[in-house]
Each structure stands twice: as structure tokens, then as C-alpha cells.
Amino acid sequence: MHRLTVLYPPPADEAHFRDYYVNTHLPLAAKLPGLVQSQYSFDVASLAGQSKYFAVFHADFESAEAMASALGSEEGKAVSADVPNYASGGVELIHYPLS
């Protein structure tokens, strides 16, 4: 299993982010080919004080190759192109194999 994690710093408009993310962006992400499961949270906390992230998203794929294929697909391109519509604070993407 391979995981893509998207970390979102605080946006300029948290209410807009939440509404757009749940009602528009997540339905787009759900169409990613090969997506095994996904999870998200708006309640990101840090053990070392205030978190530098507002939200987090995890998407699991069978392999790194399946993830790369999904991100390069038409659906993946649509998901990527949609990010500026709600994530005014930008994003940080990381990925890794799960053990």
C-alpha cells in the first residue's frame, strides 16, 4: 500500500475552504482511478504547540505506480487544477509506502 498525504497550511478563509473542500474537491478526489481509501481532517494538532497545518488528506493506493498513474490521469489533473480554488495557503504533498 502507498499513501499520498496532502498537508494544508491555514487558508485566508477557513469557512470557504471547508465548504468548497467537502462539497466540490472531495467528490473530485473520490474519482481518482485506483483509489483504495481516503480520509481527511480539519482538526490538525501538534504535540509541540500550534500546528502549521489547517487540514490533512490521505489517499491510499495499491502501489507507488498506481498513485502516479492516478495523479497523471485526467481525474488527477482535474483534482490538481482545483486546488487553487480553495487552498489559498498552498499545499504540501508527501508520499510513502505503508508497512
N, C-alpha and C. Protein backbone atom coordinates (compact mmCIF):
# COMPACT_ATOMS: atom_id res chain seq x y z
N MET A 1 0.86 -1.18 0.00
CA MET A 1 0.00 0.00 0.00
C MET A 1 0.90 1.23 0.00
N HIS A 2 0.45 2.26 -0.70
CA HIS A 2 1.22 3.51 -0.80
C HIS A 2 0.28 4.67 -0.48
N ARG A 3 0.76 5.62 0.31
CA ARG A 3 -0.08 6.72 0.78
C ARG A 3 0.41 8.06 0.25
N LEU A 4 -0.53 8.85 -0.22
CA LEU A 4 -0.32 10.26 -0.56
C LEU A 4 -0.93 11.07 0.57
N THR A 5 -0.16 11.98 1.13
CA THR A 5 -0.66 12.87 2.18
C THR A 5 -0.56 14.30 1.68
N VAL A 6 -1.65 15.03 1.81
CA VAL A 6 -1.70 16.43 1.42
C VAL A 6 -1.88 17.24 2.70
N LEU A 7 -0.93 18.14 2.95
CA LEU A 7 -0.95 18.99 4.14
C LEU A 7 -1.31 20.41 3.72
N TYR A 8 -2.30 20.98 4.36
CA TYR A 8 -2.79 22.31 4.02
C TYR A 8 -2.48 23.32 5.13
N PRO A 9 -1.64 24.32 4.86
CA PRO A 9 -1.47 25.42 5.81
C PRO A 9 -2.79 26.20 5.92
N PRO A 10 -2.93 27.04 6.93
CA PRO A 10 -4.17 27.79 7.10
C PRO A 10 -4.51 28.64 5.87
N PRO A 11 -5.76 28.57 5.41
CA PRO A 11 -6.20 29.40 4.29
C PRO A 11 -6.63 30.78 4.78
N ALA A 12 -6.81 31.69 3.85
CA ALA A 12 -7.30 33.03 4.19
C ALA A 12 -8.74 32.97 4.70
N ASP A 13 -9.54 32.06 4.15
CA ASP A 13 -10.96 31.96 4.52
C ASP A 13 -11.26 30.50 4.88
N GLU A 14 -11.25 30.20 6.18
CA GLU A 14 -11.45 28.82 6.63
C GLU A 14 -12.84 28.28 6.28
N ALA A 15 -13.86 29.12 6.39
CA ALA A 15 -15.22 28.67 6.08
C ALA A 15 -15.34 28.30 4.61
N HIS A 16 -14.78 29.12 3.73
CA HIS A 16 -14.81 28.80 2.30
C HIS A 16 -14.06 27.51 2.03
N PHE A 17 -12.88 27.36 2.64
CA PHE A 17 -12.09 26.14 2.45
C PHE A 17 -12.93 24.92 2.80
N ARG A 18 -13.51 24.91 4.00
CA ARG A 18 -14.28 23.75 4.47
C ARG A 18 -15.44 23.44 3.52
N ASP A 19 -16.20 24.45 3.17
CA ASP A 19 -17.37 24.24 2.31
C ASP A 19 -16.96 23.73 0.93
N TYR A 20 -16.01 24.40 0.31
CA TYR A 20 -15.59 24.02 -1.04
C TYR A 20 -14.93 22.65 -1.03
N TYR A 21 -14.10 22.40 -0.04
CA TYR A 21 -13.38 21.14 0.04
C TYR A 21 -14.34 19.95 0.14
N VAL A 22 -15.30 20.05 1.04
CA VAL A 22 -16.24 18.95 1.25
C VAL A 22 -17.20 18.79 0.07
N ASN A 23 -17.71 19.88 -0.46
CA ASN A 23 -18.76 19.81 -1.47
C ASN A 23 -18.27 19.74 -2.91
N THR A 24 -17.04 20.16 -3.17
CA THR A 24 -16.53 20.18 -4.54
C THR A 24 -15.26 19.36 -4.70
N HIS A 25 -14.25 19.62 -3.87
CA HIS A 25 -12.96 18.97 -4.09
C HIS A 25 -12.96 17.48 -3.74
N LEU A 26 -13.51 17.11 -2.61
CA LEU A 26 -13.52 15.69 -2.23
C LEU A 26 -14.26 14.82 -3.24
N PRO A 27 -15.40 15.26 -3.79
CA PRO A 27 -16.03 14.45 -4.83
C PRO A 27 -15.14 14.26 -6.07
N LEU A 28 -14.32 15.26 -6.40
CA LEU A 28 -13.36 15.10 -7.50
C LEU A 28 -12.30 14.06 -7.13
N ALA A 29 -11.77 14.17 -5.92
CA ALA A 29 -10.73 13.25 -5.47
C ALA A 29 -11.24 11.81 -5.41
N ALA A 30 -12.50 11.63 -5.08
CA ALA A 30 -13.08 10.29 -4.99
C ALA A 30 -13.08 9.57 -6.33
N LYS A 31 -12.94 10.31 -7.42
CA LYS A 31 -12.93 9.73 -8.77
C LYS A 31 -11.54 9.29 -9.23
N LEU A 32 -10.51 9.49 -8.39
CA LEU A 32 -9.16 9.09 -8.78
C LEU A 32 -9.11 7.60 -9.06
N PRO A 33 -8.62 7.20 -10.23
CA PRO A 33 -8.54 5.77 -10.54
C PRO A 33 -7.59 5.06 -9.58
N GLY A 34 -8.02 3.90 -9.09
CA GLY A 34 -7.17 3.10 -8.22
C GLY A 34 -7.15 3.53 -6.77
N LEU A 35 -7.95 4.53 -6.41
CA LEU A 35 -8.01 4.98 -5.02
C LEU A 35 -8.62 3.87 -4.17
N VAL A 36 -7.89 3.42 -3.16
CA VAL A 36 -8.37 2.37 -2.27
C VAL A 36 -9.23 2.96 -1.16
N GLN A 37 -8.72 4.00 -0.53
CA GLN A 37 -9.47 4.70 0.51
C GLN A 37 -8.89 6.08 0.70
N SER A 38 -9.69 6.96 1.29
CA SER A 38 -9.20 8.30 1.60
C SER A 38 -9.80 8.76 2.92
N GLN A 39 -9.09 9.68 3.56
CA GLN A 39 -9.52 10.25 4.83
C GLN A 39 -9.07 11.70 4.87
N TYR A 40 -9.78 12.50 5.66
CA TYR A 40 -9.35 13.89 5.83
C TYR A 40 -9.73 14.37 7.22
N SER A 41 -9.11 15.47 7.62
CA SER A 41 -9.44 16.09 8.90
C SER A 41 -9.16 17.58 8.84
N PHE A 42 -10.03 18.34 9.50
CA PHE A 42 -9.80 19.77 9.68
C PHE A 42 -9.29 20.06 11.10
N ASP A 43 -9.09 19.03 11.88
CA ASP A 43 -8.69 19.19 13.28
C ASP A 43 -7.25 18.75 13.49
N VAL A 44 -6.32 19.41 12.81
CA VAL A 44 -4.91 19.05 12.87
C VAL A 44 -4.27 19.72 14.07
N ALA A 45 -3.63 18.92 14.91
CA ALA A 45 -2.97 19.44 16.11
C ALA A 45 -1.51 19.00 16.11
N SER A 46 -0.71 19.68 16.88
CA SER A 46 0.71 19.36 17.01
C SER A 46 1.02 19.08 18.48
N LEU A 47 1.88 18.12 18.73
CA LEU A 47 2.31 17.84 20.10
C LEU A 47 3.25 18.92 20.61
N ALA A 48 3.81 19.71 19.69
CA ALA A 48 4.78 20.74 20.05
C ALA A 48 4.17 22.14 20.08
N GLY A 49 2.85 22.24 20.19
CA GLY A 49 2.21 23.55 20.20
C GLY A 49 1.26 23.69 19.04
N GLN A 50 1.14 24.91 18.53
CA GLN A 50 0.21 25.18 17.44
C GLN A 50 0.71 24.53 16.15
N SER A 51 -0.18 23.83 15.46
CA SER A 51 0.18 23.18 14.20
C SER A 51 0.30 24.21 13.09
N LYS A 52 1.21 23.97 12.16
CA LYS A 52 1.31 24.86 11.00
C LYS A 52 0.37 24.44 9.88
N TYR A 53 -0.44 23.40 10.16
CA TYR A 53 -1.39 22.92 9.16
C TYR A 53 -2.82 23.07 9.65
N PHE A 54 -3.71 23.39 8.71
CA PHE A 54 -5.13 23.55 8.98
C PHE A 54 -5.89 22.25 8.71
N ALA A 55 -5.47 21.54 7.67
CA ALA A 55 -6.17 20.32 7.26
C ALA A 55 -5.18 19.32 6.69
N VAL A 56 -5.62 18.05 6.65
CA VAL A 56 -4.79 16.98 6.10
C VAL A 56 -5.70 16.02 5.33
N PHE A 57 -5.16 15.45 4.26
CA PHE A 57 -5.87 14.46 3.44
C PHE A 57 -4.94 13.30 3.18
N HIS A 58 -5.45 12.08 3.31
CA HIS A 58 -4.69 10.87 3.00
C HIS A 58 -5.42 10.11 1.90
N ALA A 59 -4.67 9.66 0.90
CA ALA A 59 -5.22 8.81 -0.15
C ALA A 59 -4.32 7.59 -0.28
N ASP A 60 -4.91 6.40 -0.19
CA ASP A 60 -4.15 5.16 -0.28
C ASP A 60 -4.37 4.49 -1.63
N PHE A 61 -3.27 3.99 -2.18
CA PHE A 61 -3.25 3.28 -3.46
C PHE A 61 -2.51 1.96 -3.26
N GLU A 62 -2.71 1.03 -4.17
CA GLU A 62 -2.05 -0.28 -4.05
C GLU A 62 -0.53 -0.17 -4.15
N SER A 63 -0.02 0.82 -4.88
CA SER A 63 1.42 0.94 -5.09
C SER A 63 1.77 2.38 -5.47
N ALA A 64 3.06 2.68 -5.45
CA ALA A 64 3.52 4.00 -5.90
C ALA A 64 3.17 4.21 -7.36
N GLU A 65 3.26 3.14 -8.15
CA GLU A 65 2.93 3.23 -9.57
C GLU A 65 1.44 3.55 -9.77
N ALA A 66 0.59 2.93 -8.96
CA ALA A 66 -0.85 3.20 -9.05
C ALA A 66 -1.15 4.65 -8.68
N MET A 67 -0.44 5.16 -7.66
CA MET A 67 -0.62 6.55 -7.27
C MET A 67 -0.19 7.49 -8.40
N ALA A 68 0.99 7.22 -8.98
CA ALA A 68 1.49 8.06 -10.06
C ALA A 68 0.54 8.04 -11.25
N SER A 69 0.01 6.88 -11.55
CA SER A 69 -0.94 6.76 -12.66
C SER A 69 -2.21 7.56 -12.38
N ALA A 70 -2.70 7.50 -11.15
CA ALA A 70 -3.90 8.25 -10.77
C ALA A 70 -3.66 9.75 -10.88
N LEU A 71 -2.52 10.21 -10.40
CA LEU A 71 -2.22 11.64 -10.43
C LEU A 71 -2.02 12.15 -11.85
N GLY A 72 -1.55 11.28 -12.74
CA GLY A 72 -1.35 11.67 -14.13
C GLY A 72 -2.57 11.52 -15.01
N SER A 73 -3.63 10.93 -14.46
CA SER A 73 -4.86 10.73 -15.22
C SER A 73 -5.62 12.04 -15.40
N GLU A 74 -6.65 12.02 -16.23
CA GLU A 74 -7.49 13.20 -16.41
C GLU A 74 -8.14 13.61 -15.08
N GLU A 75 -8.56 12.61 -14.30
CA GLU A 75 -9.16 12.89 -13.00
C GLU A 75 -8.13 13.53 -12.06
N GLY A 76 -6.91 13.01 -12.09
CA GLY A 76 -5.84 13.56 -11.25
C GLY A 76 -5.50 14.99 -11.63
N LYS A 77 -5.49 15.26 -12.92
CA LYS A 77 -5.22 16.63 -13.39
C LYS A 77 -6.34 17.58 -12.96
N ALA A 78 -7.57 17.09 -12.97
CA ALA A 78 -8.70 17.92 -12.54
C ALA A 78 -8.60 18.22 -11.04
N VAL A 79 -8.21 17.23 -10.25
CA VAL A 79 -8.04 17.43 -8.80
C VAL A 79 -6.96 18.48 -8.56
N SER A 80 -5.84 18.34 -9.23
CA SER A 80 -4.72 19.28 -9.06
C SER A 80 -5.12 20.70 -9.49
N ALA A 81 -5.81 20.81 -10.60
CA ALA A 81 -6.21 22.13 -11.10
C ALA A 81 -7.22 22.80 -10.17
N ASP A 82 -7.93 22.03 -9.37
CA ASP A 82 -8.96 22.57 -8.48
C ASP A 82 -8.39 23.17 -7.19
N VAL A 83 -7.18 22.78 -6.81
CA VAL A 83 -6.61 23.20 -5.52
C VAL A 83 -6.60 24.72 -5.31
N PRO A 84 -6.21 25.54 -6.29
CA PRO A 84 -6.20 26.99 -6.05
C PRO A 84 -7.58 27.59 -5.77
N ASN A 85 -8.64 26.85 -6.05
CA ASN A 85 -9.99 27.36 -5.80
C ASN A 85 -10.36 27.42 -4.32
N TYR A 86 -9.58 26.76 -3.47
CA TYR A 86 -9.91 26.77 -2.04
C TYR A 86 -8.69 26.88 -1.13
N ALA A 87 -7.52 26.43 -1.58
CA ALA A 87 -6.33 26.35 -0.72
C ALA A 87 -5.44 27.57 -0.90
N SER A 88 -5.89 28.71 -0.40
CA SER A 88 -5.12 29.95 -0.57
C SER A 88 -3.79 29.93 0.17
N GLY A 89 -3.65 29.02 1.14
CA GLY A 89 -2.40 28.88 1.88
C GLY A 89 -1.41 27.94 1.23
N GLY A 90 -1.80 27.36 0.08
CA GLY A 90 -0.94 26.41 -0.61
C GLY A 90 -1.12 25.00 -0.07
N VAL A 91 -0.28 24.09 -0.55
CA VAL A 91 -0.32 22.69 -0.11
C VAL A 91 1.09 22.13 -0.05
N GLU A 92 1.24 21.09 0.73
CA GLU A 92 2.48 20.32 0.75
C GLU A 92 2.09 18.86 0.52
N LEU A 93 2.70 18.23 -0.49
CA LEU A 93 2.41 16.84 -0.83
C LEU A 93 3.57 15.96 -0.42
N ILE A 94 3.27 14.86 0.25
CA ILE A 94 4.28 13.85 0.55
C ILE A 94 3.68 12.49 0.24
N HIS A 95 4.52 11.51 -0.06
CA HIS A 95 4.01 10.15 -0.26
C HIS A 95 5.03 9.15 0.24
N TYR A 96 4.53 7.95 0.58
CA TYR A 96 5.38 6.96 1.22
C TYR A 96 4.69 5.60 1.23
N PRO A 97 5.49 4.52 1.26
CA PRO A 97 4.90 3.19 1.38
C PRO A 97 4.44 2.95 2.81
N LEU A 98 3.37 2.20 2.95
CA LEU A 98 2.87 1.83 4.28
C LEU A 98 3.38 0.43 4.62
N SER A 99 3.76 0.25 5.86
CA SER A 99 4.24 -1.06 6.32
C SER A 99 3.19 -1.72 7.19
